[in-house]
Amino acid sequence: MAALPPDLPNRLGREEIEASLNRALERWDGASPVWVFGYGSLIWKPELAFDRRLAARVHGYHRRLCLWSRVNRGTPECPGLVAGLDRGGSCAGVVYRVPAHEVRRQFEQLWEREMFMGSYAPRWLHCRGADGTAVSALAFVVRRGASNYAGKLSEAEILDVFRRGSCGRFGTSLDYLVNTVRSLHEHGLRDPHFERLARHAGIAAGPGAGTRRRT
């Protein structure tokens, strides 16, 4: 993974990230596997050592492009957008089971990846797998008080971000959207809101259509 800018404003320090991880794992018994719920980039790029993966849904939260991204999908001058798990509704995603002996090492890397800006609050959420399996999984819920929280943007405002073409170290916000829609389809899942955004941005993203740009 590309290195973060050393002078990134509001970046959390190593001690703060470690403290957050320790708090999140307080209820872990140290001997059981831990599940992680992915709803955005964790679906197509989990970067986790896991021994089981399931399509799943959580209730009480929904996926929304509600976080300004000034490094990964944009710049400070031209920010992009990434998803957060915000309050209300439900969200389809993927849960990963991390073996107990891998938890500490894997989660240290996961926290460095997801928590460097303090945009999320780790929460244990009840998830229901597509096969009926019920698990409690750690998920990264958006912090509405975070400095990069964008709030509830309209679809027109989101499409304007796509049109600006803001690009960060991992590509554009539209790339992020397309990867999310494509990866959900690969797991037999859908997000009608994200699919509609893709269509309005000129991407054919319905079931069976893949994620092709219309010509």
Foldseek 3Di string as FASTA:
>chain_A
DDDDDPPDPQFDDLVVLVVLVCVLCVPPPLQAWAKAWDQFVCLVPVQADFDDKFKKKFFQWEKDFFFWAQAAAANPVQTATDIFTEGHGMGITMMTIHGSVCVVVRVSVVSVVPPRNPQWRWDFTWIAGPVRDIDTHIYTHGDCPGPGGRPDDDLVVNLVSVVVQGGHPNGHNLVRLLVSLQSQLVNVHHDVVSCVSLVVNQWNRDRPRRTHRHD
